[in-house]
Amino acid sequence: MNLREEVTVLYFAKSAELSGIHSEVLSVPQQLTSLQLWQEIVKRHPRLGTIRDHIILAVRQEYIVLGDQLLFLEPGDEIAVIPPISGG
């Protein structure tokens, strides 16, 4: 049995534009890989799939790489979806 936790997902810049929102609460498995977390988010907002190779996720304000990194989520954790920021 895989327990689920409610986490807050924050969307910034292009990810907010594609999802149409700036934040939401999602119920996700307590234990999953960073890639599985991304897949859970894209299930809700398929348009985000177009920026997969250009985003960074942050969990509890720590950057994580999409892949097989195992995450242990706690209730109320914040997940940030951060697309690249271009400056000039």
N, C-alpha and C. Protein backbone atom coordinates (compact mmCIF):
# COMPACT_ATOMS: atom_id res chain seq x y z
N MET A 1 0.85 -1.19 0.00
CA MET A 1 0.00 0.00 0.00
C MET A 1 0.89 1.24 0.00
N ASN A 2 0.69 2.09 -0.97
CA ASN A 2 1.49 3.30 -1.07
C ASN A 2 0.68 4.47 -0.53
N LEU A 3 1.10 5.01 0.60
CA LEU A 3 0.40 6.15 1.18
C LEU A 3 0.53 7.36 0.29
N ARG A 4 -0.47 8.22 0.36
CA ARG A 4 -0.44 9.46 -0.44
C ARG A 4 -0.38 10.64 0.51
N GLU A 5 0.27 11.69 0.04
CA GLU A 5 0.39 12.92 0.81
C GLU A 5 -0.13 14.08 -0.02
N GLU A 6 -0.67 15.07 0.65
CA GLU A 6 -1.06 16.30 -0.03
C GLU A 6 0.10 17.27 0.02
N VAL A 7 0.53 17.70 -1.16
CA VAL A 7 1.64 18.64 -1.28
C VAL A 7 1.16 19.84 -2.09
N THR A 8 1.81 20.97 -1.90
CA THR A 8 1.49 22.17 -2.65
C THR A 8 2.48 22.29 -3.80
N VAL A 9 1.95 22.42 -5.02
CA VAL A 9 2.79 22.59 -6.19
C VAL A 9 2.69 24.06 -6.62
N LEU A 10 3.86 24.69 -6.75
CA LEU A 10 3.93 26.10 -7.16
C LEU A 10 4.46 26.15 -8.59
N TYR A 11 3.78 26.92 -9.43
CA TYR A 11 4.16 27.03 -10.83
C TYR A 11 4.68 28.44 -11.09
N PHE A 12 5.82 28.54 -11.76
CA PHE A 12 6.45 29.82 -12.04
C PHE A 12 6.62 30.02 -13.54
N ALA A 13 6.55 31.29 -13.96
CA ALA A 13 6.84 31.70 -15.34
C ALA A 13 6.08 30.83 -16.35
N LYS A 14 6.80 30.20 -17.28
CA LYS A 14 6.19 29.42 -18.36
C LYS A 14 5.34 28.27 -17.81
N SER A 15 5.73 27.67 -16.69
CA SER A 15 4.93 26.56 -16.14
C SER A 15 3.58 27.07 -15.64
N ALA A 16 3.54 28.30 -15.10
CA ALA A 16 2.26 28.88 -14.68
C ALA A 16 1.39 29.19 -15.90
N GLU A 17 2.04 29.69 -16.95
CA GLU A 17 1.32 30.01 -18.19
C GLU A 17 0.69 28.74 -18.78
N LEU A 18 1.46 27.66 -18.84
CA LEU A 18 0.97 26.42 -19.45
C LEU A 18 -0.08 25.71 -18.59
N SER A 19 0.08 25.78 -17.27
CA SER A 19 -0.88 25.10 -16.39
C SER A 19 -2.12 25.96 -16.15
N GLY A 20 -1.97 27.28 -16.34
CA GLY A 20 -3.09 28.18 -16.12
C GLY A 20 -3.30 28.55 -14.66
N ILE A 21 -2.41 28.12 -13.78
CA ILE A 21 -2.52 28.41 -12.35
C ILE A 21 -1.14 28.69 -11.77
N HIS A 22 -1.13 29.26 -10.57
CA HIS A 22 0.14 29.53 -9.90
C HIS A 22 0.43 28.54 -8.79
N SER A 23 -0.61 27.89 -8.27
CA SER A 23 -0.39 26.87 -7.24
C SER A 23 -1.62 25.99 -7.11
N GLU A 24 -1.40 24.80 -6.56
CA GLU A 24 -2.50 23.87 -6.29
C GLU A 24 -2.01 22.83 -5.30
N VAL A 25 -2.96 22.15 -4.70
CA VAL A 25 -2.64 21.04 -3.80
C VAL A 25 -2.90 19.75 -4.57
N LEU A 26 -1.89 18.87 -4.59
CA LEU A 26 -2.01 17.57 -5.25
C LEU A 26 -1.82 16.46 -4.23
N SER A 27 -2.51 15.37 -4.44
CA SER A 27 -2.30 14.16 -3.65
C SER A 27 -1.40 13.24 -4.47
N VAL A 28 -0.21 12.97 -3.93
CA VAL A 28 0.78 12.15 -4.64
C VAL A 28 1.29 11.07 -3.71
N PRO A 29 1.87 10.00 -4.26
CA PRO A 29 2.44 8.97 -3.40
C PRO A 29 3.50 9.57 -2.46
N GLN A 30 3.53 9.06 -1.24
CA GLN A 30 4.49 9.54 -0.24
C GLN A 30 5.93 9.26 -0.68
N GLN A 31 6.11 8.16 -1.36
CA GLN A 31 7.44 7.76 -1.82
C GLN A 31 7.38 7.54 -3.32
N LEU A 32 8.19 8.30 -4.07
CA LEU A 32 8.22 8.17 -5.51
C LEU A 32 9.51 8.80 -6.02
N THR A 33 9.83 8.54 -7.28
CA THR A 33 11.03 9.15 -7.85
C THR A 33 10.69 10.56 -8.33
N SER A 34 11.72 11.35 -8.58
CA SER A 34 11.49 12.70 -9.08
C SER A 34 10.79 12.67 -10.44
N LEU A 35 11.12 11.67 -11.27
CA LEU A 35 10.45 11.55 -12.57
C LEU A 35 8.98 11.19 -12.39
N GLN A 36 8.67 10.31 -11.45
CA GLN A 36 7.28 9.95 -11.19
C GLN A 36 6.50 11.17 -10.67
N LEU A 37 7.15 11.99 -9.86
CA LEU A 37 6.51 13.21 -9.38
C LEU A 37 6.16 14.11 -10.57
N TRP A 38 7.12 14.30 -11.48
CA TRP A 38 6.87 15.10 -12.67
C TRP A 38 5.70 14.53 -13.47
N GLN A 39 5.66 13.20 -13.61
CA GLN A 39 4.59 12.55 -14.37
C GLN A 39 3.22 12.79 -13.71
N GLU A 40 3.19 12.79 -12.38
CA GLU A 40 1.94 13.09 -11.66
C GLU A 40 1.47 14.51 -11.97
N ILE A 41 2.41 15.45 -12.04
CA ILE A 41 2.08 16.84 -12.33
C ILE A 41 1.59 16.98 -13.78
N VAL A 42 2.29 16.32 -14.71
CA VAL A 42 1.91 16.40 -16.13
C VAL A 42 0.56 15.74 -16.39
N LYS A 43 0.21 14.72 -15.60
CA LYS A 43 -1.12 14.11 -15.73
C LYS A 43 -2.21 15.15 -15.54
N ARG A 44 -2.00 16.06 -14.60
CA ARG A 44 -2.97 17.12 -14.32
C ARG A 44 -2.91 18.23 -15.37
N HIS A 45 -1.72 18.47 -15.89
CA HIS A 45 -1.51 19.59 -16.83
C HIS A 45 -0.66 19.10 -18.01
N PRO A 46 -1.26 18.39 -18.96
CA PRO A 46 -0.51 17.79 -20.06
C PRO A 46 0.35 18.78 -20.85
N ARG A 47 -0.06 20.04 -20.93
CA ARG A 47 0.72 21.02 -21.69
C ARG A 47 2.11 21.22 -21.10
N LEU A 48 2.29 20.92 -19.82
CA LEU A 48 3.62 21.06 -19.21
C LEU A 48 4.63 20.09 -19.81
N GLY A 49 4.15 19.01 -20.42
CA GLY A 49 5.05 18.05 -21.04
C GLY A 49 5.95 18.67 -22.09
N THR A 50 5.51 19.79 -22.67
CA THR A 50 6.30 20.44 -23.72
C THR A 50 7.56 21.10 -23.18
N ILE A 51 7.63 21.33 -21.87
CA ILE A 51 8.83 21.98 -21.30
C ILE A 51 9.62 21.04 -20.40
N ARG A 52 9.35 19.75 -20.49
CA ARG A 52 9.99 18.76 -19.62
C ARG A 52 11.51 18.90 -19.57
N ASP A 53 12.13 19.08 -20.73
CA ASP A 53 13.59 19.13 -20.79
C ASP A 53 14.15 20.47 -20.34
N HIS A 54 13.28 21.39 -19.97
CA HIS A 54 13.73 22.74 -19.63
C HIS A 54 13.35 23.16 -18.22
N ILE A 55 12.82 22.24 -17.42
CA ILE A 55 12.40 22.64 -16.09
C ILE A 55 13.31 22.07 -15.02
N ILE A 56 13.22 22.70 -13.87
CA ILE A 56 13.87 22.21 -12.66
C ILE A 56 12.77 22.09 -11.62
N LEU A 57 12.81 21.02 -10.85
CA LEU A 57 11.89 20.89 -9.73
C LEU A 57 12.65 21.21 -8.45
N ALA A 58 11.95 21.78 -7.51
CA ALA A 58 12.52 21.99 -6.18
C ALA A 58 11.54 21.40 -5.17
N VAL A 59 12.06 20.61 -4.25
CA VAL A 59 11.26 20.04 -3.18
C VAL A 59 11.82 20.57 -1.88
N ARG A 60 10.96 21.20 -1.08
CA ARG A 60 11.40 21.84 0.16
C ARG A 60 12.56 22.79 -0.10
N GLN A 61 12.47 23.54 -1.20
CA GLN A 61 13.43 24.56 -1.61
C GLN A 61 14.81 24.00 -1.95
N GLU A 62 14.86 22.71 -2.31
CA GLU A 62 16.11 22.11 -2.78
C GLU A 62 15.88 21.58 -4.19
N TYR A 63 16.79 21.98 -5.11
CA TYR A 63 16.66 21.54 -6.49
C TYR A 63 16.87 20.04 -6.60
N ILE A 64 16.08 19.43 -7.47
CA ILE A 64 16.23 17.99 -7.74
C ILE A 64 16.27 17.79 -9.25
N VAL A 65 16.93 16.72 -9.66
CA VAL A 65 17.04 16.38 -11.07
C VAL A 65 15.94 15.37 -11.39
N LEU A 66 15.32 15.52 -12.56
CA LEU A 66 14.32 14.53 -12.98
C LEU A 66 15.04 13.23 -13.29
N GLY A 67 14.59 12.17 -12.67
CA GLY A 67 15.22 10.87 -12.88
C GLY A 67 14.78 9.90 -11.81
N ASP A 68 15.73 9.06 -11.38
CA ASP A 68 15.36 8.01 -10.43
C ASP A 68 15.68 8.38 -8.98
N GLN A 69 15.91 9.67 -8.71
CA GLN A 69 16.14 10.11 -7.34
C GLN A 69 14.87 9.85 -6.52
N LEU A 70 14.99 9.10 -5.43
CA LEU A 70 13.84 8.74 -4.61
C LEU A 70 13.51 9.88 -3.66
N LEU A 71 12.24 10.24 -3.63
CA LEU A 71 11.76 11.31 -2.76
C LEU A 71 10.84 10.73 -1.69
N PHE A 72 10.91 11.28 -0.50
CA PHE A 72 10.01 10.92 0.59
C PHE A 72 9.27 12.19 0.97
N LEU A 73 8.02 12.29 0.55
CA LEU A 73 7.27 13.52 0.74
C LEU A 73 6.51 13.51 2.06
N GLU A 74 6.42 14.68 2.65
CA GLU A 74 5.70 14.89 3.91
C GLU A 74 4.46 15.72 3.61
N PRO A 75 3.43 15.61 4.44
CA PRO A 75 2.24 16.44 4.23
C PRO A 75 2.62 17.92 4.23
N GLY A 76 2.10 18.66 3.27
CA GLY A 76 2.36 20.09 3.21
C GLY A 76 3.66 20.49 2.54
N ASP A 77 4.44 19.53 2.04
CA ASP A 77 5.67 19.89 1.33
C ASP A 77 5.34 20.79 0.14
N GLU A 78 6.28 21.68 -0.18
CA GLU A 78 6.14 22.52 -1.36
C GLU A 78 7.01 22.00 -2.48
N ILE A 79 6.41 21.87 -3.65
CA ILE A 79 7.11 21.47 -4.87
C ILE A 79 7.05 22.68 -5.80
N ALA A 80 8.20 23.12 -6.30
CA ALA A 80 8.22 24.25 -7.24
C ALA A 80 8.58 23.74 -8.62
N VAL A 81 7.85 24.18 -9.63
CA VAL A 81 8.14 23.87 -11.03
C VAL A 81 8.74 25.14 -11.63
N ILE A 82 10.05 25.08 -11.88
CA ILE A 82 10.78 26.28 -12.29
C ILE A 82 11.34 26.10 -13.68
N PRO A 83 10.80 26.83 -14.66
CA PRO A 83 11.39 26.80 -15.99
C PRO A 83 12.63 27.68 -16.02
N PRO A 84 13.43 27.56 -17.06
CA PRO A 84 14.64 28.40 -17.12
C PRO A 84 14.25 29.88 -17.15
N ILE A 85 15.04 30.66 -16.48
CA ILE A 85 14.82 32.10 -16.46
C ILE A 85 15.86 32.70 -17.39
N SER A 86 15.40 33.45 -18.38
CA SER A 86 16.37 34.08 -19.27
C SER A 86 16.56 35.53 -18.84
N GLY A 87 17.77 35.95 -18.86
CA GLY A 87 18.07 37.32 -18.46
C GLY A 87 18.88 38.00 -19.54
N GLY A 88 19.04 39.27 -19.40
CA GLY A 88 19.79 39.97 -20.41
C GLY A 88 20.60 41.09 -19.84
